[in-house]
Amino acid sequence: MKVFICWSFMVLCLTLPLAAGSITYTMTGDISGSLNGVDFSNAAFTFVLDGTTAGVASDGAGDLINEATSNSISIVGFASDEFTGGIDAYATPLLGDAGIVNSTESAGIVIANPGFVGWNLATSLGPLDASGGASIEGTLDTTLGVLAITDATNVSFGASTAAVPEPASVELVALSLLGIALCRRWVRG
């Protein structure tokens, strides 16, 4: 009976869900447009969104979104900035599209590349370039004002997951080792 209880405890520890890992989405390239009414042309940009791998959700129409937990914007010629409102990493695995959007405003910048086909937004990928072109729609709100993108070139998009173990994983291993030690002691008498 003691052995059964010990093994049951071990199975329980190993089947507990692990906490979500972190993921960072990065889009780079050159864009033209305006920020808070100030025009710019072919300015190098970097958009970075941080999220969790468990945050990926389907919109029911074949699109995947992952709401950013934090974000940053860098456009040459402007101060550091952030998107305001809901900003999401976006992918359509069937079509091979991915990018950064504000789903509630139907705005953003999305690129096409066959490498995005089947991608689930929760694993590292790329960066992949816009071999299939870039699609720009609407305007995006930022802390510096409205960002209106009129053109985008040399655009790439990729994702990277954290390489370090999550605290929940370390805690689960420690709990399992403690369980093994206690079970061995308990079974021996």
Protein backbone atom coordinates (compact mmCIF):
# COMPACT_ATOMS: atom_id res chain seq x y z
CA MET A 1 0.00 0.00 0.00
CA LYS A 2 2.83 2.41 0.86
CA VAL A 3 4.44 1.81 -2.53
CA PHE A 4 1.11 2.49 -4.28
CA ILE A 5 0.67 5.80 -2.41
CA CYS A 6 4.24 6.85 -3.22
CA TRP A 7 3.87 6.07 -6.94
CA SER A 8 0.49 7.84 -7.02
CA PHE A 9 2.15 10.94 -5.55
CA MET A 10 4.90 10.77 -8.19
CA VAL A 11 2.41 10.45 -11.06
CA LEU A 12 0.46 13.42 -9.69
CA CYS A 13 3.62 15.57 -9.55
CA LEU A 14 4.57 14.67 -13.10
CA THR A 15 1.10 15.45 -14.51
CA LEU A 16 0.70 18.88 -12.93
CA PRO A 17 0.53 21.56 -15.63
CA LEU A 18 3.61 23.70 -16.07
CA ALA A 19 3.39 27.48 -16.18
CA ALA A 20 3.45 29.15 -19.54
CA GLY A 21 6.79 30.13 -21.01
CA SER A 22 7.62 33.57 -22.30
CA ILE A 23 7.87 34.41 -25.99
CA THR A 24 9.14 37.51 -27.77
CA TYR A 25 7.94 38.52 -31.23
CA THR A 26 10.14 40.90 -33.23
CA MET A 27 9.32 42.71 -36.48
CA THR A 28 11.96 44.82 -38.25
CA GLY A 29 12.37 46.61 -41.55
CA ASP A 30 11.88 50.05 -43.10
CA ILE A 31 8.59 51.94 -43.00
CA SER A 32 7.16 55.18 -44.31
CA GLY A 33 4.23 57.06 -42.86
CA SER A 34 3.61 59.46 -40.00
CA LEU A 35 3.77 59.43 -36.23
CA ASN A 36 1.62 62.01 -34.46
CA GLY A 37 1.42 63.97 -37.73
CA VAL A 38 5.20 63.99 -38.36
CA ASP A 39 5.97 62.37 -41.72
CA PHE A 40 8.92 60.02 -42.20
CA SER A 41 10.19 57.95 -45.10
CA ASN A 42 12.07 54.63 -45.21
CA ALA A 43 12.88 54.78 -41.49
CA ALA A 44 14.32 51.66 -39.89
CA PHE A 45 11.94 50.25 -37.29
CA THR A 46 11.76 47.52 -34.67
CA PHE A 47 8.54 46.41 -33.01
CA VAL A 48 8.90 44.01 -30.05
CA LEU A 49 6.02 42.25 -28.31
CA ASP A 50 6.41 40.05 -25.24
CA GLY A 51 3.80 37.43 -24.38
CA THR A 52 3.32 33.96 -22.97
CA THR A 53 3.13 30.71 -24.90
CA ALA A 54 -0.16 29.93 -23.11
CA GLY A 55 -1.66 33.22 -24.35
CA VAL A 56 -2.19 32.00 -27.91
CA ALA A 57 -5.89 31.91 -28.82
CA SER A 58 -7.91 31.27 -31.96
CA ASP A 59 -10.42 33.80 -33.21
CA GLY A 60 -12.54 30.97 -34.62
CA ALA A 61 -11.84 31.94 -38.25
CA GLY A 62 -8.44 30.22 -38.57
CA ASP A 63 -6.43 33.15 -37.20
CA LEU A 64 -4.28 32.94 -34.07
CA ILE A 65 -3.58 35.88 -31.76
CA ASN A 66 -1.41 36.34 -28.69
CA GLU A 67 -2.01 39.51 -26.70
CA ALA A 68 1.21 41.27 -25.74
CA THR A 69 2.03 41.58 -22.06
CA SER A 70 4.48 44.37 -22.95
CA ASN A 71 5.76 46.00 -26.12
CA SER A 72 8.23 48.52 -27.46
CA ILE A 73 8.58 50.55 -30.65
CA SER A 74 11.76 51.95 -32.13
CA ILE A 75 11.58 54.12 -35.26
CA VAL A 76 14.71 55.98 -36.34
CA GLY A 77 14.22 59.70 -35.76
CA PHE A 78 11.73 59.28 -32.91
CA ALA A 79 11.94 58.67 -29.17
CA SER A 80 11.26 55.18 -27.82
CA ASP A 81 7.58 54.41 -27.86
CA GLU A 82 4.97 51.80 -26.97
CA PHE A 83 1.71 50.68 -28.52
CA THR A 84 -1.38 51.54 -26.49
CA GLY A 85 -4.59 49.56 -26.45
CA GLY A 86 -4.62 45.86 -27.19
CA ILE A 87 -1.76 44.84 -29.45
CA ASP A 88 -1.34 41.24 -30.56
CA ALA A 89 1.04 38.94 -32.36
CA TYR A 90 -0.97 37.46 -35.22
CA ALA A 91 -0.73 34.46 -37.53
CA THR A 92 -2.87 32.66 -40.08
CA PRO A 93 -1.28 29.19 -40.17
CA LEU A 94 -3.24 28.08 -43.25
CA LEU A 95 -2.20 31.08 -45.37
CA GLY A 96 1.33 31.67 -44.07
CA ASP A 97 0.76 35.19 -42.72
CA ALA A 98 2.12 36.66 -39.48
CA GLY A 99 2.57 40.10 -37.96
CA ILE A 100 1.54 42.63 -35.36
CA VAL A 101 -2.05 43.84 -35.15
CA ASN A 102 -4.60 45.60 -33.01
CA SER A 103 -7.40 43.06 -33.38
CA THR A 104 -10.12 45.31 -31.97
CA GLU A 105 -9.26 48.10 -34.44
CA SER A 106 -8.53 45.78 -37.42
CA ALA A 107 -5.19 47.53 -37.90
CA GLY A 108 -1.60 46.41 -38.19
CA ILE A 109 1.18 45.15 -40.41
CA VAL A 110 1.23 41.54 -41.59
CA ILE A 111 3.71 39.78 -43.86
CA ALA A 112 3.39 36.63 -45.93
CA ASN A 113 5.97 33.85 -46.06
CA PRO A 114 5.47 30.11 -46.64
CA GLY A 115 7.53 29.49 -43.49
CA PHE A 116 4.56 30.67 -41.39
CA VAL A 117 2.31 27.87 -42.71
CA GLY A 118 1.38 25.66 -39.76
CA TRP A 119 3.10 27.92 -37.19
CA ASN A 120 1.24 28.10 -33.87
CA LEU A 121 2.60 31.43 -32.46
CA ALA A 122 3.92 29.53 -29.42
CA THR A 123 7.31 28.34 -30.68
CA SER A 124 10.50 30.01 -31.88
CA LEU A 125 10.58 30.77 -35.59
CA GLY A 126 12.53 32.89 -38.03
CA PRO A 127 12.98 35.67 -38.50
CA LEU A 128 11.32 35.26 -41.89
CA ASP A 129 11.16 38.01 -44.50
CA ALA A 130 8.15 39.30 -46.40
CA SER A 131 8.76 37.15 -49.47
CA GLY A 132 5.02 37.20 -50.12
CA GLY A 133 4.63 40.93 -49.49
CA ALA A 134 3.44 43.08 -46.60
CA SER A 135 -0.12 44.10 -45.83
CA ILE A 136 -0.78 47.35 -43.94
CA GLU A 137 -4.18 48.30 -42.61
CA GLY A 138 -5.46 51.14 -40.43
CA THR A 139 -3.52 53.11 -37.84
CA LEU A 140 -1.98 52.05 -34.52
CA ASP A 141 -2.15 54.09 -31.32
CA THR A 142 1.13 54.70 -29.48
CA THR A 143 2.25 56.71 -26.48
CA LEU A 144 3.66 59.33 -28.92
CA GLY A 145 0.45 59.54 -30.97
CA VAL A 146 -1.13 57.82 -33.95
CA LEU A 147 1.19 55.72 -36.14
CA ALA A 148 0.03 55.61 -39.76
CA ILE A 149 2.14 53.28 -41.90
CA THR A 150 1.87 53.89 -45.65
CA ASP A 151 4.65 51.61 -46.92
CA ALA A 152 6.91 48.87 -45.59
CA THR A 153 10.00 47.27 -47.14
CA ASN A 154 12.62 44.73 -46.04
CA VAL A 155 10.23 43.55 -43.33
CA SER A 156 10.94 40.42 -41.28
CA PHE A 157 9.08 38.81 -38.40
CA GLY A 158 10.18 36.16 -35.93
CA ALA A 159 9.66 34.76 -32.47
CA SER A 160 11.95 33.42 -29.77
CA THR A 161 11.09 31.57 -26.60
CA ALA A 162 12.99 31.83 -23.33
CA ALA A 163 15.80 29.27 -23.05
CA VAL A 164 15.89 29.24 -19.24
CA PRO A 165 13.75 26.86 -17.19
CA GLU A 166 10.63 28.38 -15.76
CA PRO A 167 10.29 28.63 -11.98
CA ALA A 168 7.30 26.26 -12.09
CA SER A 169 9.42 23.61 -13.83
CA VAL A 170 12.18 23.91 -11.24
CA GLU A 171 9.62 23.76 -8.43
CA LEU A 172 8.03 20.66 -9.96
CA VAL A 173 11.38 18.87 -10.17
CA ALA A 174 12.17 19.83 -6.56
CA LEU A 175 8.76 18.61 -5.42
CA SER A 176 9.29 15.31 -7.26
CA LEU A 177 12.71 14.78 -5.69
CA LEU A 178 11.27 15.54 -2.25
CA GLY A 179 8.50 13.02 -2.92
CA ILE A 180 11.01 10.34 -3.92
CA ALA A 181 13.05 10.91 -0.76
CA LEU A 182 9.99 10.82 1.48
CA CYS A 183 8.61 7.71 -0.21
CA ARG A 184 11.93 5.85 0.10
CA ARG A 185 12.10 6.74 3.77
CA TRP A 186 8.46 5.83 4.39
CA VAL A 187 8.67 2.46 2.54
CA ARG A 188 11.86 1.47 4.41
CA GLY A 189 10.09 1.99 7.69
